Amino acid sequence: MTTHVNKVHHVTTITQIASDLGEDEDWLWDIANEMEIEDDVIWVYGVGEDGILAFTDFGIESLIELIKMHKNDPTLLKRRSWLDTEWNRFKDGSSDIEETLGGLWSCMSRPLRIGPCG
C-alpha cells in the first residue's frame, strides 16, 4: 500500500482569501503572480471559465508571508503607468492621433530571490 503524503483535499480561491483577509483582490493577484507551484498555488478551471487562482492551506500561509513582506517594504511592487501618443498620417492625406494609456506592476530588482520580485 502506498500512502500519499501531499494529498490536497481542498483549495481556496484568491477571491475568498481576499475577502477573508480584507485585502484588495487585484493587489493579491499582483503579489501572487510570482508564486510557483512549489508554493502550493494552482489554477482551477471550470466550464466556460478562464480559470481562477487557488491555494492550498500551505499556499495561503505562503501568500500571507508575502503580504507581510510587501507591507513591510512597499517598494517591492510599484505601479508604473504611461501615456503613448501616436500620430498616424495616411496616404489619402488624412491623419489621426491615437493615445494609449498603459500600466503595469513592476518589481524592484533584488540580488536574491526571497519571494515575489525578490
C-alpha atoms as a PDB file:
ATOM      1  CA  MET A   1       0.000   0.000   0.000  1.00  0.00           C
ATOM      2  CA  THR A   2       1.294   3.436  -0.964  1.00  0.00           C
ATOM      3  CA  THR A   3       0.476   6.398   1.243  1.00  0.00           C
ATOM      4  CA  HIS A   4       0.467   9.810  -0.392  1.00  0.00           C
ATOM      5  CA  VAL A   5       1.695  12.497   1.960  1.00  0.00           C
ATOM      6  CA  ASN A   6       0.826  15.503  -0.172  1.00  0.00           C
ATOM      7  CA  LYS A   7      -2.830  14.891  -0.952  1.00  0.00           C
ATOM      8  CA  VAL A   8      -4.829  18.057  -1.444  1.00  0.00           C
ATOM      9  CA  HIS A   9      -8.455  17.753  -0.407  1.00  0.00           C
ATOM     10  CA  HIS A  10      -9.451  21.402  -0.830  1.00  0.00           C
ATOM     11  CA  VAL A  11      -8.249  24.732  -2.173  1.00  0.00           C
ATOM     12  CA  THR A  12      -9.373  28.294  -1.550  1.00  0.00           C
ATOM     13  CA  THR A  13      -9.749  30.838  -4.356  1.00  0.00           C
ATOM     14  CA  ILE A  14      -7.934  34.134  -4.316  1.00  0.00           C
ATOM     15  CA  THR A  15     -11.319  35.878  -4.249  1.00  0.00           C
ATOM     16  CA  GLN A  16     -12.220  34.140  -0.998  1.00  0.00           C
ATOM     17  CA  ILE A  17      -8.775  34.793   0.503  1.00  0.00           C
ATOM     18  CA  ALA A  18      -9.030  38.496  -0.341  1.00  0.00           C
ATOM     19  CA  SER A  19     -12.415  38.625   1.354  1.00  0.00           C
ATOM     20  CA  ASP A  20     -11.196  36.695   4.409  1.00  0.00           C
ATOM     21  CA  LEU A  21      -8.092  38.869   4.827  1.00  0.00           C
ATOM     22  CA  GLY A  22      -9.770  42.164   3.944  1.00  0.00           C
ATOM     23  CA  GLU A  23      -7.269  42.761   1.142  1.00  0.00           C
ATOM     24  CA  ASP A  24      -7.767  44.064  -2.385  1.00  0.00           C
ATOM     25  CA  GLU A  25      -8.065  41.102  -4.756  1.00  0.00           C
ATOM     26  CA  ASP A  26      -6.200  42.827  -7.589  1.00  0.00           C
ATOM     27  CA  TRP A  27      -3.308  43.601  -5.246  1.00  0.00           C
ATOM     28  CA  LEU A  28      -3.229  39.963  -4.114  1.00  0.00           C
ATOM     29  CA  TRP A  29      -3.114  38.853  -7.776  1.00  0.00           C
ATOM     30  CA  ASP A  30      -0.033  41.023  -8.230  1.00  0.00           C
ATOM     31  CA  ILE A  31       1.592  39.629  -5.094  1.00  0.00           C
ATOM     32  CA  ALA A  32       0.772  36.013  -6.010  1.00  0.00           C
ATOM     33  CA  ASN A  33       1.931  36.458  -9.601  1.00  0.00           C
ATOM     34  CA  GLU A  34       5.463  35.364  -8.744  1.00  0.00           C
ATOM     35  CA  MET A  35       4.441  32.293  -6.742  1.00  0.00           C
ATOM     36  CA  GLU A  36       5.306  28.891  -8.154  1.00  0.00           C
ATOM     37  CA  ILE A  37       3.576  25.513  -7.974  1.00  0.00           C
ATOM     38  CA  GLU A  38       6.004  24.623  -5.163  1.00  0.00           C
ATOM     39  CA  ASP A  39       4.303  27.395  -3.149  1.00  0.00           C
ATOM     40  CA  ASP A  40       1.033  25.401  -3.400  1.00  0.00           C
ATOM     41  CA  VAL A  41      -0.709  27.772  -5.778  1.00  0.00           C
ATOM     42  CA  ILE A  42      -2.713  26.270  -8.645  1.00  0.00           C
ATOM     43  CA  TRP A  43      -5.064  27.316 -11.420  1.00  0.00           C
ATOM     44  CA  VAL A  44      -8.593  25.941 -11.212  1.00  0.00           C
ATOM     45  CA  TYR A  45     -10.664  25.752 -14.398  1.00  0.00           C
ATOM     46  CA  GLY A  46     -14.393  25.282 -14.802  1.00  0.00           C
ATOM     47  CA  VAL A  47     -16.776  25.128 -17.715  1.00  0.00           C
ATOM     48  CA  GLY A  48     -16.688  28.391 -19.638  1.00  0.00           C
ATOM     49  CA  GLU A  49     -14.196  29.984 -17.253  1.00  0.00           C
ATOM     50  CA  ASP A  50     -10.751  31.435 -17.861  1.00  0.00           C
ATOM     51  CA  GLY A  51      -9.577  29.956 -14.583  1.00  0.00           C
ATOM     52  CA  ILE A  52      -9.024  31.249 -11.083  1.00  0.00           C
ATOM     53  CA  LEU A  53      -6.013  31.229  -8.836  1.00  0.00           C
ATOM     54  CA  ALA A  54      -6.411  28.978  -5.790  1.00  0.00           C
ATOM     55  CA  PHE A  55      -4.247  27.968  -2.854  1.00  0.00           C
ATOM     56  CA  THR A  56      -3.840  25.019  -0.524  1.00  0.00           C
ATOM     57  CA  ASP A  57      -3.571  25.781   3.199  1.00  0.00           C
ATOM     58  CA  PHE A  58       0.224  25.925   2.826  1.00  0.00           C
ATOM     59  CA  GLY A  59      -0.196  28.222  -0.178  1.00  0.00           C
ATOM     60  CA  ILE A  60      -2.319  30.588   1.916  1.00  0.00           C
ATOM     61  CA  GLU A  61       0.403  30.645   4.577  1.00  0.00           C
ATOM     62  CA  SER A  62       2.979  31.427   1.873  1.00  0.00           C
ATOM     63  CA  LEU A  63       0.781  34.189   0.463  1.00  0.00           C
ATOM     64  CA  ILE A  64       0.308  35.708   3.928  1.00  0.00           C
ATOM     65  CA  GLU A  65       4.098  35.787   4.379  1.00  0.00           C
ATOM     66  CA  LEU A  66       4.446  37.552   1.018  1.00  0.00           C
ATOM     67  CA  ILE A  67       1.759  40.039   2.029  1.00  0.00           C
ATOM     68  CA  LYS A  68       3.761  40.829   5.181  1.00  0.00           C
ATOM     69  CA  MET A  69       6.929  41.286   3.095  1.00  0.00           C
ATOM     70  CA  HIS A  70       5.194  43.677   0.714  1.00  0.00           C
ATOM     71  CA  LYS A  71       3.590  45.661   3.522  1.00  0.00           C
ATOM     72  CA  ASN A  72       6.968  45.946   5.280  1.00  0.00           C
ATOM     73  CA  ASP A  73       8.653  47.059   2.045  1.00  0.00           C
ATOM     74  CA  PRO A  74       6.156  48.627  -0.385  1.00  0.00           C
ATOM     75  CA  THR A  75       8.991  49.283  -2.864  1.00  0.00           C
ATOM     76  CA  LEU A  76       8.965  45.585  -3.797  1.00  0.00           C
ATOM     77  CA  LEU A  77       5.987  46.234  -6.039  1.00  0.00           C
ATOM     78  CA  LYS A  78       5.464  49.555  -7.774  1.00  0.00           C
ATOM     79  CA  ARG A  79       2.782  50.709 -10.163  1.00  0.00           C
ATOM     80  CA  ARG A  80       4.092  52.068 -13.453  1.00  0.00           C
ATOM     81  CA  SER A  81       1.928  53.950 -15.918  1.00  0.00           C
ATOM     82  CA  TRP A  82       2.486  55.763 -19.179  1.00  0.00           C
ATOM     83  CA  LEU A  83       0.720  57.628 -21.945  1.00  0.00           C
ATOM     84  CA  ASP A  84       1.743  56.823 -25.505  1.00  0.00           C
ATOM     85  CA  THR A  85       0.729  59.188 -28.293  1.00  0.00           C
ATOM     86  CA  GLU A  86       0.929  58.134 -31.934  1.00  0.00           C
ATOM     87  CA  TRP A  87       0.222  60.414 -34.873  1.00  0.00           C
ATOM     88  CA  ASN A  88      -0.875  58.487 -37.955  1.00  0.00           C
ATOM     89  CA  ARG A  89      -0.745  60.055 -41.430  1.00  0.00           C
ATOM     90  CA  PHE A  90      -2.417  58.168 -44.225  1.00  0.00           C
ATOM     91  CA  LYS A  91      -1.783  58.158 -47.980  1.00  0.00           C
ATOM     92  CA  ASP A  92      -5.088  59.931 -48.632  1.00  0.00           C
ATOM     93  CA  GLY A  93      -3.838  62.929 -46.630  1.00  0.00           C
ATOM     94  CA  SER A  94      -5.942  62.266 -43.564  1.00  0.00           C
ATOM     95  CA  SER A  95      -4.435  61.774 -40.137  1.00  0.00           C
ATOM     96  CA  ASP A  96      -5.425  60.849 -36.634  1.00  0.00           C
ATOM     97  CA  ILE A  97      -3.906  60.800 -33.191  1.00  0.00           C
ATOM     98  CA  GLU A  98      -4.049  57.642 -31.143  1.00  0.00           C
ATOM     99  CA  GLU A  99      -3.394  57.806 -27.405  1.00  0.00           C
ATOM    100  CA  THR A 100      -2.864  54.730 -25.295  1.00  0.00           C
ATOM    101  CA  LEU A 101      -2.782  54.747 -21.525  1.00  0.00           C
ATOM    102  CA  GLY A 102      -0.927  51.805 -20.096  1.00  0.00           C
ATOM    103  CA  GLY A 103       0.037  50.487 -16.743  1.00  0.00           C
ATOM    104  CA  LEU A 104       1.604  47.514 -15.040  1.00  0.00           C
ATOM    105  CA  TRP A 105       3.058  46.385 -11.790  1.00  0.00           C
ATOM    106  CA  SER A 106       6.783  46.014 -11.786  1.00  0.00           C
ATOM    107  CA  CYS A 107       9.167  44.578  -9.285  1.00  0.00           C
ATOM    108  CA  MET A 108      12.339  46.100  -7.960  1.00  0.00           C
ATOM    109  CA  SER A 109      15.455  44.073  -8.697  1.00  0.00           C
ATOM    110  CA  ARG A 110      16.851  42.116  -5.796  1.00  0.00           C
ATOM    111  CA  PRO A 111      20.124  40.189  -5.686  1.00  0.00           C
ATOM    112  CA  LEU A 112      18.484  37.080  -4.171  1.00  0.00           C
ATOM    113  CA  ARG A 113      15.026  35.608  -4.748  1.00  0.00           C
ATOM    114  CA  ILE A 114      13.243  35.681  -1.397  1.00  0.00           C
ATOM    115  CA  GLY A 115       9.722  35.706  -2.802  1.00  0.00           C
ATOM    116  CA  PRO A 116       7.955  37.728  -5.460  1.00  0.00           C
ATOM    117  CA  CYS A 117      10.270  40.033  -7.292  1.00  0.00           C
ATOM    118  CA  GLY A 118      12.996  39.073  -4.840  1.00  0.00           C
END
